[in-house]
Amino acid sequence: MRILAVYERYFARLIYGVFAFILFAVLALFIFFDMLSELEGVQGNYTSLVAFFHVMLQAPTRVYEVLPIAVLISAIYVFSQLASQSEFTIFRVAGLNTRQALFSLFKLAVPLAVVTFIFGEFIGPAAEQYAQKIKLEAIGATVSSGFRSGVWVKDRDRDAASGGEITRFVNVQGLKADQSISGITIYEFDKDYRLRVIRVAKEGRYQGGQQWQLNDVNETRFAELRDAPAAQAGQPPARRDALAPDFRAEQALFPNMVMHSELTPQILSVLLVTPERMSTLDLFRYIRHLRDNKQDTQRYEIAFWKKVVYPLTLFVMVALALPFAYLHARAGAVGVKVFGGIMLGLSFHLANTLFSHVGLLHTWPPIVSALVPGTLYLTIALTSLRWVDRH
């Protein structure tokens, strides 16, 4: 056990040192390309300095995305060097077997997995939202969904007058940098899904406690015409078409109005950050909101399980790197092995994205879509380890 601890410290010093350098190099490369992309949109108040600040705020998200690849490349480089200098062969002669080496690498991957979790859950999402707000304030624009009419959200509430359930379909044309919403149209239905109110508001601000203050509200109420006046006059009620009842519209203008709703700025923040860059807590809240309103949640569930599984990919990466320690220098130069590691890491990233889309297309269980890439590459790693250990 004492000798094993010496191996682990030696591996840790080498891998962590190379990892820091490779992570910095890969991150600098991504920042450079992101900056080139942002420079195309520089105009007015959105200066080059603001664009650079926006890109730097996105750097934590980039760290989260490239961290497994950086671990794989650094581990492959270290083990290739150890193999070329026959150091790993000496370790094996001294009693280090494949299983011990693998578990030692798993121990080294635990701190990196924790770092990945912290960047993915706390630092990355917060910095990403702030980066988008900085850009929106600079260009004076709002964010809307891919639809021309804006984003559509389903909401449910209790009617204060009757106590019955009402259903709302809310259309928001834009979410501003301060998380206020603009261009709001609300279609409110009763429990029988009959349209009863249409509200059009210029702006809305969240007051807390599930309360929104709507400004410049134009409200149109629909009331079904009854036959009570005709019955009181002693006349038989007119025969009406149940599929096309008669309604009376009443219109009113309000400078402001308070509306109770389950919608919160956190739910609407999906307009600022894509599901893959949200935290698992935000994804969980939004999935629960969609389920409560009986809407499709598969895309967000896939993103949720990918966020849960992603830190565990660090263990897959170190397992993929270990077989390179068994390849002698005659099997290829260190540079060729590192290039192979880069291609292996990129293929894992592409497979991870591919299975997300395939799972969404074929309606696979979300957890299956998230687990298949890691399971596949872990199988490849263990099979490779068994082969090199035998040969």
Protein backbone atom coordinates (compact mmCIF):
# COMPACT_ATOMS: atom_id res chain seq x y z
CA MET A 1 0.00 0.00 0.00
CA ARG A 2 2.90 2.32 0.74
CA ILE A 3 4.44 1.64 -2.69
CA LEU A 4 1.04 2.18 -4.32
CA ALA A 5 0.76 5.57 -2.64
CA VAL A 6 4.15 6.51 -4.11
CA TYR A 7 2.88 5.55 -7.60
CA GLU A 8 -0.27 7.60 -7.12
CA ARG A 9 1.61 10.71 -6.03
CA TYR A 10 3.97 10.36 -8.96
CA PHE A 11 1.12 9.93 -11.44
CA ALA A 12 -0.78 12.83 -9.86
CA ARG A 13 2.16 15.21 -10.14
CA LEU A 14 2.71 14.37 -13.80
CA ILE A 15 -0.93 14.28 -14.91
CA TYR A 16 -2.06 17.40 -13.04
CA GLY A 17 0.90 19.39 -14.31
CA VAL A 18 0.33 18.45 -17.96
CA PHE A 19 -3.43 18.84 -17.51
CA ALA A 20 -3.09 22.47 -16.37
CA PHE A 21 -0.99 23.31 -19.42
CA ILE A 22 -3.27 21.53 -21.91
CA LEU A 23 -6.45 23.00 -20.39
CA PHE A 24 -4.97 26.49 -20.69
CA ALA A 25 -3.93 25.86 -24.31
CA VAL A 26 -7.29 24.41 -25.37
CA LEU A 27 -9.21 27.13 -23.54
CA ALA A 28 -7.10 29.86 -25.17
CA LEU A 29 -7.85 28.32 -28.56
CA PHE A 30 -11.60 28.34 -27.91
CA ILE A 31 -11.49 31.92 -26.60
CA PHE A 32 -9.63 33.00 -29.73
CA PHE A 33 -12.24 31.51 -32.07
CA ASP A 34 -15.12 32.83 -29.92
CA MET A 35 -13.59 36.30 -30.06
CA LEU A 36 -13.29 36.13 -33.84
CA SER A 37 -16.96 35.20 -34.02
CA GLU A 38 -18.00 38.05 -31.71
CA LEU A 39 -16.00 40.66 -33.61
CA GLU A 40 -18.41 40.25 -36.53
CA GLY A 41 -21.21 41.71 -34.40
CA VAL A 42 -19.26 44.67 -32.97
CA GLN A 43 -21.18 47.88 -33.55
CA GLY A 44 -22.39 50.91 -31.58
CA ASN A 45 -22.16 50.36 -27.83
CA TYR A 46 -21.11 46.76 -28.36
CA THR A 47 -17.41 47.55 -28.62
CA SER A 48 -14.48 45.19 -28.92
CA LEU A 49 -13.82 45.55 -25.19
CA VAL A 50 -17.41 44.55 -24.33
CA ALA A 51 -17.17 41.65 -26.79
CA PHE A 52 -13.96 40.47 -25.12
CA PHE A 53 -15.59 40.72 -21.68
CA HIS A 54 -18.56 38.72 -23.03
CA VAL A 55 -16.24 36.01 -24.35
CA MET A 56 -14.28 35.83 -21.10
CA LEU A 57 -17.52 35.36 -19.16
CA GLN A 58 -18.26 32.37 -21.38
CA ALA A 59 -14.87 30.85 -20.54
CA PRO A 60 -16.16 28.89 -17.48
CA THR A 61 -18.67 27.13 -19.73
CA ARG A 62 -15.84 26.30 -22.13
CA VAL A 63 -13.81 24.91 -19.22
CA TYR A 64 -16.72 22.64 -18.35
CA GLU A 65 -17.04 21.44 -21.96
CA VAL A 66 -13.36 20.74 -22.68
CA LEU A 67 -12.26 19.47 -19.28
CA PRO A 68 -12.77 15.74 -20.08
CA ILE A 69 -10.91 16.10 -23.38
CA ALA A 70 -8.03 17.90 -21.64
CA VAL A 71 -7.85 15.10 -19.05
CA LEU A 72 -7.72 12.47 -21.80
CA ILE A 73 -4.97 14.24 -23.75
CA SER A 74 -2.85 14.92 -20.68
CA ALA A 75 -3.17 11.33 -19.40
CA ILE A 76 -2.29 9.90 -22.83
CA TYR A 77 0.76 12.19 -23.06
CA VAL A 78 1.99 11.20 -19.59
CA PHE A 79 1.52 7.47 -20.14
CA SER A 80 3.11 7.65 -23.59
CA GLN A 81 6.15 9.32 -22.03
CA LEU A 82 6.29 6.70 -19.30
CA ALA A 83 6.08 3.94 -21.91
CA SER A 84 8.77 5.48 -24.11
CA GLN A 85 11.18 5.68 -21.18
CA SER A 86 10.20 2.22 -19.88
CA GLU A 87 9.15 3.72 -16.55
CA PHE A 88 5.75 2.07 -16.60
CA THR A 89 7.43 -1.27 -17.31
CA ILE A 90 9.52 -0.78 -14.16
CA PHE A 91 6.33 -0.02 -12.21
CA ARG A 92 4.80 -3.26 -13.44
CA VAL A 93 7.89 -5.24 -12.51
CA ALA A 94 7.72 -3.63 -9.04
CA GLY A 95 4.23 -5.08 -8.58
CA LEU A 96 1.81 -2.53 -10.08
CA ASN A 97 -0.87 -4.51 -11.88
CA THR A 98 -3.52 -3.21 -14.28
CA ARG A 99 -6.35 -3.17 -11.74
CA GLN A 100 -4.29 -1.18 -9.21
CA ALA A 101 -3.23 1.30 -11.88
CA LEU A 102 -6.85 1.77 -13.00
CA PHE A 103 -8.14 2.38 -9.47
CA SER A 104 -5.26 4.77 -8.81
CA LEU A 105 -6.30 6.78 -11.86
CA PHE A 106 -9.92 6.76 -10.67
CA LYS A 107 -8.73 8.32 -7.40
CA LEU A 108 -6.89 11.01 -9.37
CA ALA A 109 -10.05 11.68 -11.41
CA VAL A 110 -12.22 12.38 -8.33
CA PRO A 111 -10.95 15.98 -7.74
CA LEU A 112 -11.26 16.73 -11.45
CA ALA A 113 -14.83 15.39 -11.45
CA VAL A 114 -15.64 17.69 -8.52
CA VAL A 115 -14.16 20.64 -10.42
CA THR A 116 -16.26 19.70 -13.46
CA PHE A 117 -19.39 19.57 -11.29
CA ILE A 118 -18.69 22.99 -9.76
CA PHE A 119 -18.11 24.62 -13.16
CA GLY A 120 -21.19 22.95 -14.65
CA GLU A 121 -23.56 23.70 -11.77
CA PHE A 122 -22.51 27.04 -10.34
CA ILE A 123 -19.79 28.99 -12.15
CA GLY A 124 -20.69 28.23 -15.78
CA PRO A 125 -24.49 28.89 -15.77
CA ALA A 126 -24.17 32.07 -13.68
CA ALA A 127 -21.38 33.46 -15.87
CA GLU A 128 -23.28 32.49 -19.03
CA GLN A 129 -26.41 34.38 -17.96
CA TYR A 130 -24.37 37.42 -16.98
CA ALA A 131 -22.52 37.31 -20.31
CA GLN A 132 -25.81 37.34 -22.22
CA LYS A 133 -27.12 40.23 -20.09
CA ILE A 134 -23.96 42.26 -20.77
CA LYS A 135 -24.37 41.74 -24.50
CA LEU A 136 -28.09 42.57 -24.46
CA GLU A 137 -27.53 45.78 -22.53
CA ALA A 138 -24.81 46.81 -24.97
CA ILE A 139 -26.81 46.21 -28.14
CA GLY A 140 -30.13 47.28 -26.57
CA ALA A 141 -31.99 44.19 -27.74
CA THR A 142 -34.20 41.50 -26.28
CA VAL A 143 -34.04 37.75 -26.57
CA SER A 144 -36.87 35.77 -28.07
CA SER A 145 -37.39 32.19 -29.14
CA GLY A 146 -37.06 30.80 -32.63
CA PHE A 147 -40.71 31.60 -33.40
CA ARG A 148 -41.47 34.93 -35.04
CA SER A 149 -44.22 35.54 -32.48
CA GLY A 150 -41.88 34.92 -29.51
CA VAL A 151 -42.00 32.20 -26.91
CA TRP A 152 -45.18 30.38 -25.89
CA VAL A 153 -45.65 29.13 -22.33
CA LYS A 154 -48.55 27.24 -20.80
CA ASP A 155 -49.62 28.21 -17.29
CA ARG A 156 -52.30 27.08 -14.83
CA ASP A 157 -53.90 28.97 -11.96
CA ARG A 158 -56.99 29.16 -9.74
CA ASP A 159 -59.79 31.59 -10.50
CA ALA A 160 -60.12 33.96 -7.54
CA ALA A 161 -63.85 34.47 -8.18
CA SER A 162 -65.13 30.94 -8.82
CA GLY A 163 -62.28 28.93 -7.33
CA GLY A 164 -62.10 26.80 -10.48
CA GLU A 165 -59.00 26.05 -12.53
CA ILE A 166 -58.04 28.28 -15.42
CA THR A 167 -55.50 27.67 -18.18
CA ARG A 168 -53.39 30.38 -19.75
CA PHE A 169 -51.33 30.40 -22.91
CA VAL A 170 -48.79 33.18 -22.53
CA ASN A 171 -46.93 34.67 -25.47
CA VAL A 172 -43.79 36.67 -24.63
CA GLN A 173 -42.04 38.44 -27.46
CA GLY A 174 -38.90 39.31 -25.54
CA LEU A 175 -37.01 38.96 -22.26
CA LYS A 176 -34.89 41.98 -21.43
CA ALA A 177 -31.52 41.96 -19.72
CA ASP A 178 -33.11 42.87 -16.36
CA GLN A 179 -35.40 39.82 -16.74
CA SER A 180 -38.49 41.95 -17.35
CA ILE A 181 -40.71 40.72 -20.18
CA SER A 182 -42.20 42.71 -23.04
CA GLY A 183 -44.83 42.21 -25.70
CA ILE A 184 -47.09 40.01 -23.56
CA THR A 185 -50.30 38.41 -24.83
CA ILE A 186 -52.29 36.18 -22.49
CA TYR A 187 -55.12 33.87 -23.60
CA GLU A 188 -57.08 32.68 -20.58
CA PHE A 189 -59.45 29.68 -20.75
CA ASP A 190 -61.88 28.25 -18.21
CA LYS A 191 -61.96 24.62 -17.06
CA ASP A 192 -63.95 23.68 -20.22
CA TYR A 193 -61.28 25.36 -22.38
CA ARG A 194 -63.57 28.18 -23.45
CA LEU A 195 -61.81 31.47 -24.12
CA ARG A 196 -62.81 34.00 -21.48
CA VAL A 197 -60.07 36.69 -21.36
CA ILE A 198 -57.44 38.11 -23.69
CA ARG A 199 -54.88 40.43 -22.11
CA VAL A 200 -52.28 42.40 -24.02
CA ALA A 201 -49.61 44.11 -21.93
CA LYS A 202 -46.68 46.21 -22.98
CA GLU A 203 -44.37 45.11 -20.17
CA GLY A 204 -44.27 42.86 -17.11
CA ARG A 205 -42.05 42.79 -14.04
CA TYR A 206 -41.76 40.01 -11.48
CA GLN A 207 -42.67 41.14 -7.95
CA GLY A 208 -41.86 37.89 -6.15
CA GLY A 209 -44.25 35.42 -4.57
CA GLN A 210 -45.52 34.32 -8.00
CA GLN A 211 -46.81 37.85 -8.69
CA TRP A 212 -46.27 39.74 -11.94
CA GLN A 213 -47.05 43.42 -12.43
CA LEU A 214 -48.31 44.06 -15.95
CA ASN A 215 -48.16 47.60 -17.34
CA ASP A 216 -50.37 49.19 -20.02
CA VAL A 217 -52.86 46.33 -20.08
CA ASN A 218 -55.62 46.05 -22.69
CA GLU A 219 -58.10 43.44 -21.43
CA THR A 220 -60.94 41.88 -23.44
CA ARG A 221 -63.44 39.71 -21.57
CA PHE A 222 -65.89 37.35 -23.24
CA ALA A 223 -69.23 36.55 -21.57
CA GLU A 224 -71.68 34.07 -23.05
CA LEU A 225 -75.13 35.55 -23.70
CA ARG A 226 -77.85 34.00 -21.56
CA ASP A 227 -81.56 33.63 -22.22
CA ALA A 228 -82.61 34.98 -18.84
CA PRO A 229 -84.02 38.30 -20.20
CA ALA A 230 -86.15 36.43 -22.77
CA ALA A 231 -87.48 34.04 -20.12
CA GLN A 232 -88.40 36.91 -17.82
CA ALA A 233 -90.39 38.55 -20.66
CA GLY A 234 -92.43 35.39 -21.04
CA GLN A 235 -90.89 34.52 -24.40
CA PRO A 236 -89.52 31.06 -25.19
CA PRO A 237 -85.71 30.95 -25.21
CA ALA A 238 -84.13 31.08 -28.63
CA ARG A 239 -82.57 27.89 -29.84
CA ARG A 240 -78.79 28.23 -29.82
CA ASP A 241 -76.01 26.28 -31.46
CA ALA A 242 -73.96 24.64 -28.72
CA LEU A 243 -70.89 24.60 -30.98
CA ALA A 244 -71.17 28.31 -31.80
CA PRO A 245 -72.55 30.14 -28.74
CA ASP A 246 -73.08 33.90 -28.71
CA PHE A 247 -70.67 36.01 -26.69
CA ARG A 248 -70.48 39.60 -25.58
CA ALA A 249 -67.06 41.26 -25.50
CA GLU A 250 -66.14 43.83 -22.88
CA GLN A 251 -62.93 45.81 -23.24
CA ALA A 252 -61.08 47.72 -20.54
CA LEU A 253 -57.73 49.51 -20.20
CA PHE A 254 -55.59 49.34 -17.05
CA PRO A 255 -52.35 51.27 -16.39
CA ASN A 256 -51.11 48.31 -14.36
CA MET A 257 -52.40 44.98 -13.11
CA VAL A 258 -51.10 42.27 -10.76
CA MET A 259 -51.32 38.71 -12.11
CA HIS A 260 -50.69 35.55 -10.11
CA SER A 261 -48.75 32.98 -12.12
CA GLU A 262 -46.45 30.00 -11.63
CA LEU A 263 -44.10 31.48 -14.23
CA THR A 264 -40.91 32.93 -12.79
CA PRO A 265 -37.86 34.64 -14.33
CA GLN A 266 -35.94 31.41 -13.67
CA ILE A 267 -38.36 29.51 -15.90
CA LEU A 268 -38.19 32.18 -18.59
CA SER A 269 -34.39 32.24 -18.33
CA VAL A 270 -34.33 29.37 -20.83
CA LEU A 271 -34.49 32.21 -23.37
CA LEU A 272 -31.03 33.35 -22.29
CA VAL A 273 -29.26 30.01 -21.76
CA THR A 274 -29.64 26.84 -23.81
CA PRO A 275 -30.70 23.70 -21.91
CA GLU A 276 -27.23 22.17 -22.24
CA ARG A 277 -25.73 25.18 -20.41
CA MET A 278 -28.29 25.38 -17.60
CA SER A 279 -27.69 23.97 -14.14
CA THR A 280 -29.40 20.74 -13.13
CA LEU A 281 -31.51 22.63 -10.57
CA ASP A 282 -32.84 25.05 -13.22
CA LEU A 283 -33.48 22.15 -15.56
CA PHE A 284 -35.32 20.26 -12.82
CA ARG A 285 -37.54 23.27 -12.12
CA TYR A 286 -38.36 23.79 -15.77
CA ILE A 287 -39.06 20.08 -16.34
CA ARG A 288 -41.44 20.12 -13.38
CA HIS A 289 -43.18 23.18 -14.82
CA LEU A 290 -43.58 21.49 -18.20
CA ARG A 291 -44.92 18.31 -16.58
CA ASP A 292 -47.43 20.28 -14.53
CA ASN A 293 -48.69 21.79 -17.75
CA LYS A 294 -48.65 18.43 -19.59
CA GLN A 295 -45.99 19.48 -22.11
CA ASP A 296 -43.16 17.53 -23.72
CA THR A 297 -40.07 17.40 -21.52
CA GLN A 298 -37.78 14.97 -23.35
CA ARG A 299 -35.26 17.50 -24.65
CA TYR A 300 -34.82 19.00 -21.20
CA GLU A 301 -34.71 15.59 -19.51
CA ILE A 302 -31.91 14.51 -21.85
CA ALA A 303 -30.01 17.70 -21.00
CA PHE A 304 -30.68 17.07 -17.29
CA TRP A 305 -29.28 13.52 -17.33
CA LYS A 306 -26.31 14.60 -19.44
CA LYS A 307 -25.48 17.18 -16.76
CA VAL A 308 -25.72 14.48 -14.10
CA VAL A 309 -23.56 12.00 -16.01
CA TYR A 310 -20.99 14.43 -17.47
CA PRO A 311 -18.65 14.62 -14.41
CA LEU A 312 -18.46 10.82 -14.46
CA THR A 313 -16.96 10.92 -17.96
CA LEU A 314 -13.66 11.90 -16.30
CA PHE A 315 -13.35 8.29 -15.12
CA VAL A 316 -13.99 7.06 -18.66
CA MET A 317 -11.28 9.38 -20.00
CA VAL A 318 -8.55 8.11 -17.65
CA ALA A 319 -9.58 4.52 -18.41
CA LEU A 320 -9.20 5.25 -22.13
CA ALA A 321 -5.73 6.70 -21.53
CA LEU A 322 -4.31 3.81 -19.49
CA PRO A 323 -3.82 1.36 -22.44
CA PHE A 324 -1.34 3.84 -23.97
CA ALA A 325 1.02 3.10 -21.07
CA TYR A 326 1.36 -0.49 -22.30
CA LEU A 327 2.37 0.49 -25.85
CA HIS A 328 6.13 0.51 -26.30
CA ALA A 329 7.85 3.40 -28.05
CA ARG A 330 8.31 1.21 -31.13
CA ALA A 331 4.51 1.12 -31.52
CA GLY A 332 4.50 4.83 -32.40
CA ALA A 333 5.93 8.17 -31.35
CA VAL A 334 4.49 10.17 -28.47
CA GLY A 335 3.14 12.83 -30.85
CA VAL A 336 1.18 10.24 -32.82
CA LYS A 337 -0.34 8.86 -29.62
CA VAL A 338 -1.31 12.33 -28.44
CA PHE A 339 -2.92 13.02 -31.81
CA GLY A 340 -4.82 9.75 -31.44
CA GLY A 341 -5.95 10.89 -28.00
CA ILE A 342 -7.22 14.18 -29.43
CA MET A 343 -9.22 12.31 -32.08
CA LEU A 344 -10.54 9.92 -29.44
CA GLY A 345 -11.67 12.81 -27.25
CA LEU A 346 -13.34 14.61 -30.15
CA SER A 347 -15.10 11.41 -31.20
CA PHE A 348 -16.47 11.05 -27.66
CA HIS A 349 -17.74 14.64 -27.73
CA LEU A 350 -19.40 14.06 -31.11
CA ALA A 351 -20.92 10.75 -29.97
CA ASN A 352 -22.29 12.44 -26.86
CA THR A 353 -24.03 15.06 -29.01
CA LEU A 354 -25.14 12.51 -31.61
CA PHE A 355 -26.86 10.21 -29.13
CA SER A 356 -28.71 13.16 -27.64
CA HIS A 357 -30.27 13.94 -31.02
CA VAL A 358 -30.87 10.27 -31.85
CA GLY A 359 -32.52 9.71 -28.48
CA LEU A 360 -34.72 12.74 -29.01
CA LEU A 361 -35.63 11.58 -32.52
CA HIS A 362 -36.48 8.01 -31.51
CA THR A 363 -37.98 8.98 -28.10
CA TRP A 364 -35.51 6.87 -26.12
CA PRO A 365 -35.61 7.14 -22.32
CA PRO A 366 -33.56 10.27 -21.49
CA ILE A 367 -31.26 8.44 -19.10
CA VAL A 368 -30.42 5.92 -21.86
CA SER A 369 -29.48 8.73 -24.27
CA ALA A 370 -27.17 10.17 -21.63
CA LEU A 371 -25.55 6.89 -20.56
CA VAL A 372 -24.96 5.18 -23.93
CA PRO A 373 -21.86 7.21 -25.05
CA GLY A 374 -20.06 6.84 -21.71
CA THR A 375 -20.93 3.16 -21.45
CA LEU A 376 -19.73 2.53 -25.01
CA TYR A 377 -16.36 4.23 -24.48
CA LEU A 378 -15.89 2.64 -21.08
CA THR A 379 -16.40 -0.76 -22.74
CA ILE A 380 -13.78 0.17 -25.34
CA ALA A 381 -11.36 1.21 -22.59
CA LEU A 382 -11.79 -1.99 -20.56
CA THR A 383 -11.53 -4.16 -23.68
CA SER A 384 -8.32 -2.37 -24.69
CA LEU A 385 -6.88 -2.77 -21.22
CA ARG A 386 -7.58 -6.48 -21.26
CA TRP A 387 -5.97 -6.86 -24.68
CA VAL A 388 -2.76 -4.91 -23.87
CA ASP A 389 -2.44 -6.68 -20.52
CA ARG A 390 -2.49 -10.05 -22.24
CA HIS A 391 -0.11 -9.06 -24.99
